[in-house]
Amino acid sequence: MKIDVISDIHLDFYARFNRVKTEAFVEKLIKSKKDKIFEVLVIAGDIGHYNEDNLYLIELLSKHYEKIFITWGNHDLYLLSSQYTEKYNYNSFNRLNEFKDMLKSIENVTFLDGQKVEYKGKIFWGSGLWYNVTSIEHWSNYMNDSKYIYDRKDGYKIVLPYDFFPIEYRFNTAKLYETEYEKIKNLDYADVIITHIPPVKIFDNFERGDDYFYVDYGEEIIEKIKPKIWIFGHIHAKTYKSFKGCKLVANPLGYPEENDKFILESLEI
């Protein structure tokens, strides 16, 4: 089986609310492939900020591929304006659920959010996953996730010792971490795991912000179920490496200035 891989598309940076530009964008992606085998496409999250744009992109790609597997990323939860916070009742997960429902109209597309799917004898599992936040103060200043992801209108406020002003954040990141961990911790087997957040630290530098770019239990999962391939995104850096017998793969498009030489990379399984 041949699997093409992409993540971190961020469509609205290339073709926001413009179908002609989206069509040209897809044509460029397809032409970037070195071969003409269009069997399986995996999209490992961060498609874009607007469901209608994202749906049209997937509709176009689905005409080329036999099968598409998708999971969500942090940007697929963003509500960037009052228009969208009101539309989705200050809940990013309403937006995510809307997108899942939209995709049901495309027969050869499967949205993975914690379930196993068998395709041509291979088991695929996927979900977005989430990172562990140990300091709300640091996270609120460091990550846009704290500003543009919502799970209620009023948000959350905490007051740290000796701090006059409360820290404000818009959704319960700890709850999402636990929810995503519950989805994967009982997984017994998969040939291919698809997540947005990487399973291990890819870059070994020592900034505190690194904690937001991998999950802290990925090694445990790899040792337990021994997947052949783990496809991810989020870090905006092309990655091909072996880790404890598992191929770790990321092929992000990223923002326009990041990957001028992007091509749709293929894997064999």
Protein backbone atom coordinates (compact mmCIF):
# COMPACT_ATOMS: atom_id res chain seq x y z
CA MET A 1 0.00 0.00 0.00
CA LYS A 2 1.25 3.48 -0.87
CA ILE A 3 0.44 6.30 1.55
CA ASP A 4 0.94 9.99 0.73
CA VAL A 5 1.48 12.24 3.74
CA ILE A 6 0.77 15.90 4.47
CA SER A 7 0.05 18.00 7.55
CA ASP A 8 -0.16 21.65 8.62
CA ILE A 9 -1.76 22.81 5.39
CA HIS A 10 -3.07 26.09 6.84
CA LEU A 11 -5.21 26.58 3.77
CA ASP A 12 -6.38 30.11 4.52
CA PHE A 13 -2.81 31.38 4.11
CA TYR A 14 -2.97 30.18 0.50
CA ALA A 15 -6.61 30.37 -0.61
CA ARG A 16 -8.91 31.96 1.93
CA PHE A 17 -12.56 32.02 0.77
CA ASN A 18 -11.45 31.58 -2.84
CA ARG A 19 -12.38 28.42 -4.71
CA VAL A 20 -10.33 29.24 -7.80
CA LYS A 21 -7.21 29.61 -5.65
CA THR A 22 -8.07 26.39 -3.81
CA GLU A 23 -8.33 24.53 -7.10
CA ALA A 24 -4.94 25.89 -8.17
CA PHE A 25 -3.53 24.96 -4.76
CA VAL A 26 -4.69 21.34 -5.12
CA GLU A 27 -3.36 21.13 -8.67
CA LYS A 28 0.05 22.25 -7.42
CA LEU A 29 -0.01 19.65 -4.63
CA ILE A 30 -0.91 16.86 -7.01
CA LYS A 31 1.77 17.87 -9.49
CA SER A 32 4.37 17.81 -6.71
CA LYS A 33 4.14 14.01 -6.46
CA LYS A 34 7.00 12.04 -7.97
CA ASP A 35 4.71 9.18 -9.00
CA LYS A 36 1.16 8.91 -10.25
CA ILE A 37 -0.10 6.39 -7.69
CA PHE A 38 -3.00 7.89 -5.73
CA GLU A 39 -3.93 5.18 -3.26
CA VAL A 40 -4.13 6.61 0.30
CA LEU A 41 -3.69 10.19 1.50
CA VAL A 42 -3.14 10.95 5.19
CA ILE A 43 -3.74 14.50 6.47
CA ALA A 44 -2.35 14.83 10.00
CA GLY A 45 -4.21 17.93 11.17
CA ASP A 46 -4.18 21.72 10.82
CA ILE A 47 -6.09 21.91 7.56
CA GLY A 48 -7.22 25.49 8.12
CA HIS A 49 -9.31 27.88 10.14
CA TYR A 50 -12.58 27.74 8.18
CA ASN A 51 -14.68 24.62 7.71
CA GLU A 52 -16.19 25.61 4.38
CA ASP A 53 -12.76 26.16 2.84
CA ASN A 54 -11.45 22.94 4.35
CA LEU A 55 -14.39 20.92 3.02
CA TYR A 56 -13.86 22.16 -0.54
CA LEU A 57 -10.17 21.26 -0.31
CA ILE A 58 -11.01 17.71 0.80
CA GLU A 59 -13.66 17.36 -1.91
CA LEU A 60 -11.06 18.22 -4.54
CA LEU A 61 -8.43 15.87 -3.10
CA SER A 62 -10.94 13.04 -2.80
CA LYS A 63 -11.32 13.00 -6.59
CA HIS A 64 -7.68 11.96 -6.90
CA TYR A 65 -7.33 9.37 -4.11
CA GLU A 66 -8.89 6.00 -3.44
CA LYS A 67 -8.97 6.75 0.30
CA ILE A 68 -8.27 9.73 2.57
CA PHE A 69 -7.71 9.58 6.34
CA ILE A 70 -7.85 12.83 8.30
CA THR A 71 -7.41 13.86 11.89
CA TRP A 72 -7.56 17.27 13.54
CA GLY A 73 -4.91 19.68 14.78
CA ASN A 74 -4.93 22.61 17.17
CA HIS A 75 -5.65 25.13 14.38
CA ASP A 76 -8.70 23.12 13.33
CA LEU A 77 -10.21 24.25 16.66
CA TYR A 78 -9.46 27.96 16.30
CA LEU A 79 -12.30 30.52 16.37
CA LEU A 80 -10.64 33.67 15.07
CA SER A 81 -13.42 36.25 15.23
CA SER A 82 -16.57 37.15 17.14
CA GLN A 83 -18.55 35.97 14.13
CA TYR A 84 -17.22 32.46 14.59
CA THR A 85 -17.28 32.39 18.38
CA GLU A 86 -20.98 33.24 18.20
CA LYS A 87 -21.66 30.82 15.34
CA TYR A 88 -20.19 27.94 17.34
CA ASN A 89 -21.53 29.17 20.71
CA TYR A 90 -18.04 29.79 22.11
CA ASN A 91 -17.11 26.14 21.71
CA SER A 92 -14.38 25.02 19.31
CA PHE A 93 -15.56 21.45 19.52
CA ASN A 94 -18.85 22.47 17.91
CA ARG A 95 -16.76 23.60 14.95
CA LEU A 96 -14.88 20.29 14.92
CA ASN A 97 -18.11 18.29 15.05
CA GLU A 98 -19.56 20.35 12.22
CA PHE A 99 -16.55 19.52 10.06
CA LYS A 100 -16.88 15.80 10.85
CA ASP A 101 -20.52 15.94 9.75
CA MET A 102 -19.59 17.79 6.55
CA LEU A 103 -17.09 15.08 5.61
CA LYS A 104 -19.71 12.33 5.85
CA SER A 105 -20.91 13.39 2.39
CA ILE A 106 -17.59 12.27 0.85
CA GLU A 107 -17.65 8.50 0.57
CA ASN A 108 -13.90 7.80 0.43
CA VAL A 109 -12.93 10.08 3.36
CA THR A 110 -12.65 8.91 6.97
CA PHE A 111 -12.15 11.32 9.85
CA LEU A 112 -10.24 9.61 12.65
CA ASP A 113 -10.98 10.76 16.18
CA GLY A 114 -10.14 7.83 18.41
CA GLN A 115 -11.29 4.88 16.31
CA LYS A 116 -9.60 2.04 14.43
CA VAL A 117 -10.36 1.48 10.74
CA GLU A 118 -9.18 -1.40 8.59
CA TYR A 119 -8.35 -0.61 4.98
CA LYS A 120 -6.88 -3.16 2.58
CA GLY A 121 -5.76 -5.33 5.47
CA LYS A 122 -4.00 -2.53 7.40
CA ILE A 123 -5.24 -1.03 10.66
CA PHE A 124 -5.32 2.77 10.89
CA TRP A 125 -5.93 4.67 14.14
CA GLY A 126 -5.99 8.41 14.58
CA SER A 127 -6.81 11.38 16.77
CA GLY A 128 -5.39 14.84 17.33
CA LEU A 129 -3.87 14.15 20.77
CA TRP A 130 -2.89 16.99 23.08
CA TYR A 131 0.13 18.09 25.05
CA ASN A 132 0.47 18.45 28.81
CA VAL A 133 0.46 21.99 30.21
CA THR A 134 2.33 22.29 33.49
CA SER A 135 2.14 26.10 33.73
CA ILE A 136 -1.05 27.92 32.71
CA GLU A 137 0.79 31.22 33.08
CA HIS A 138 3.53 30.27 30.61
CA TRP A 139 1.10 28.58 28.19
CA SER A 140 -1.25 31.59 28.18
CA ASN A 141 1.63 33.85 27.15
CA TYR A 142 3.32 31.41 24.79
CA MET A 143 0.64 29.59 22.75
CA ASN A 144 -2.13 31.01 20.58
CA ASP A 145 -4.10 27.86 21.48
CA SER A 146 -4.90 29.57 24.78
CA LYS A 147 -6.45 32.53 22.93
CA TYR A 148 -8.35 31.00 20.01
CA ILE A 149 -9.67 27.68 21.32
CA TYR A 150 -12.85 27.88 23.38
CA ASP A 151 -15.02 25.53 25.37
CA ARG A 152 -17.28 28.12 27.01
CA LYS A 153 -18.13 31.80 26.76
CA ASP A 154 -16.78 33.13 30.05
CA GLY A 155 -13.41 31.42 29.99
CA TYR A 156 -11.32 30.59 33.04
CA LYS A 157 -9.50 32.83 35.49
CA ILE A 158 -6.91 31.89 38.07
CA VAL A 159 -4.97 34.11 40.44
CA LEU A 160 -1.44 33.06 41.23
CA PRO A 161 0.14 33.86 44.61
CA TYR A 162 1.36 37.46 44.78
CA ASP A 163 -0.23 38.21 41.39
CA PHE A 164 -2.77 41.04 41.36
CA PHE A 165 -4.18 40.24 37.91
CA PRO A 166 -5.77 36.87 37.13
CA ILE A 167 -4.58 34.73 34.24
CA GLU A 168 -7.34 34.29 31.69
CA TYR A 169 -7.65 31.38 29.27
CA ARG A 170 -10.53 30.17 27.15
CA PHE A 171 -10.64 26.40 27.42
CA ASN A 172 -9.70 23.60 29.77
CA THR A 173 -6.46 22.33 28.28
CA ALA A 174 -5.93 19.78 31.06
CA LYS A 175 -9.30 18.19 30.31
CA LEU A 176 -8.46 17.90 26.60
CA TYR A 177 -5.13 16.27 27.46
CA GLU A 178 -6.90 13.65 29.57
CA THR A 179 -9.63 13.09 26.97
CA GLU A 180 -7.09 12.45 24.22
CA TYR A 181 -4.95 10.20 26.42
CA GLU A 182 -8.02 8.10 27.25
CA LYS A 183 -8.60 7.56 23.53
CA ILE A 184 -5.17 6.08 22.88
CA LYS A 185 -4.13 4.42 26.13
CA ASN A 186 -6.31 1.34 25.56
CA LEU A 187 -5.36 0.95 21.90
CA ASP A 188 -4.25 -2.65 21.39
CA TYR A 189 -2.84 -2.48 17.86
CA ALA A 190 -2.53 -0.37 14.73
CA ASP A 191 -0.27 -0.58 11.72
CA VAL A 192 -0.49 3.18 11.18
CA ILE A 193 -1.11 5.80 13.87
CA ILE A 194 -2.09 9.28 12.69
CA THR A 195 -1.98 12.20 15.13
CA HIS A 196 -1.30 15.89 14.95
CA ILE A 197 0.89 16.14 18.04
CA PRO A 198 4.16 14.16 17.73
CA PRO A 199 4.62 11.08 19.94
CA VAL A 200 8.10 12.05 21.13
CA LYS A 201 10.31 15.14 21.30
CA ILE A 202 11.75 15.58 17.82
CA PHE A 203 14.09 18.48 18.54
CA ASP A 204 16.27 18.21 21.60
CA ASN A 205 16.64 21.77 22.78
CA PHE A 206 15.76 22.93 26.23
CA GLU A 207 13.19 25.66 25.90
CA ARG A 208 10.19 25.19 28.12
CA GLY A 209 7.91 25.64 25.13
CA ASP A 210 9.07 22.30 23.74
CA ASP A 211 6.55 20.68 26.06
CA TYR A 212 3.78 21.87 23.74
CA PHE A 213 5.17 20.01 20.73
CA TYR A 214 4.93 16.36 21.73
CA VAL A 215 2.98 14.07 24.06
CA ASP A 216 4.69 12.68 27.13
CA TYR A 217 3.39 9.13 26.71
CA GLY A 218 4.21 8.42 23.06
CA GLU A 219 7.19 6.19 23.82
CA GLU A 220 5.00 4.11 26.12
CA ILE A 221 2.42 3.65 23.35
CA ILE A 222 5.05 2.70 20.75
CA GLU A 223 6.58 0.09 23.06
CA LYS A 224 3.15 -1.32 23.87
CA ILE A 225 1.52 -1.71 20.44
CA LYS A 226 4.53 -1.57 18.09
CA PRO A 227 2.99 0.37 15.18
CA LYS A 228 4.84 0.26 11.88
CA ILE A 229 4.35 3.97 11.14
CA TRP A 230 3.36 7.01 13.22
CA ILE A 231 2.41 10.01 11.08
CA PHE A 232 2.15 13.42 12.75
CA GLY A 233 2.45 17.18 12.21
CA HIS A 234 2.44 20.29 14.40
CA ILE A 235 6.20 20.98 14.40
CA HIS A 236 6.36 22.31 10.79
CA ALA A 237 9.53 20.32 10.15
CA LYS A 238 9.90 17.41 7.75
CA THR A 239 10.78 14.30 9.74
CA TYR A 240 11.76 10.76 8.82
CA LYS A 241 13.30 8.79 11.64
CA SER A 242 13.15 5.37 13.24
CA PHE A 243 12.24 5.11 16.90
CA LYS A 244 12.09 1.72 18.62
CA GLY A 245 11.14 -0.01 15.38
CA CYS A 246 8.50 2.57 14.40
CA LYS A 247 8.87 4.96 11.47
CA LEU A 248 8.11 8.51 12.65
CA VAL A 249 7.00 10.63 9.69
CA ALA A 250 5.98 14.26 9.26
CA ASN A 251 5.59 16.07 5.95
CA PRO A 252 4.22 19.53 6.79
CA LEU A 253 3.37 22.16 4.21
CA GLY A 254 3.39 24.92 6.82
CA TYR A 255 3.10 28.64 6.17
CA PRO A 256 3.98 30.06 2.75
CA GLU A 257 7.50 31.10 3.70
CA GLU A 258 8.41 27.76 5.31
CA ASN A 259 8.38 25.05 2.66
CA ASP A 260 8.85 26.40 -0.87
CA LYS A 261 10.08 23.00 -2.06
CA PHE A 262 7.23 20.96 -0.58
CA ILE A 263 6.26 17.72 -2.29
CA LEU A 264 3.70 15.09 -1.37
CA GLU A 265 5.89 12.37 0.08
CA SER A 266 4.94 8.69 -0.17
CA LEU A 267 5.41 5.72 2.17
CA GLU A 268 5.09 2.02 1.53
CA ILE A 269 3.50 -0.30 4.04
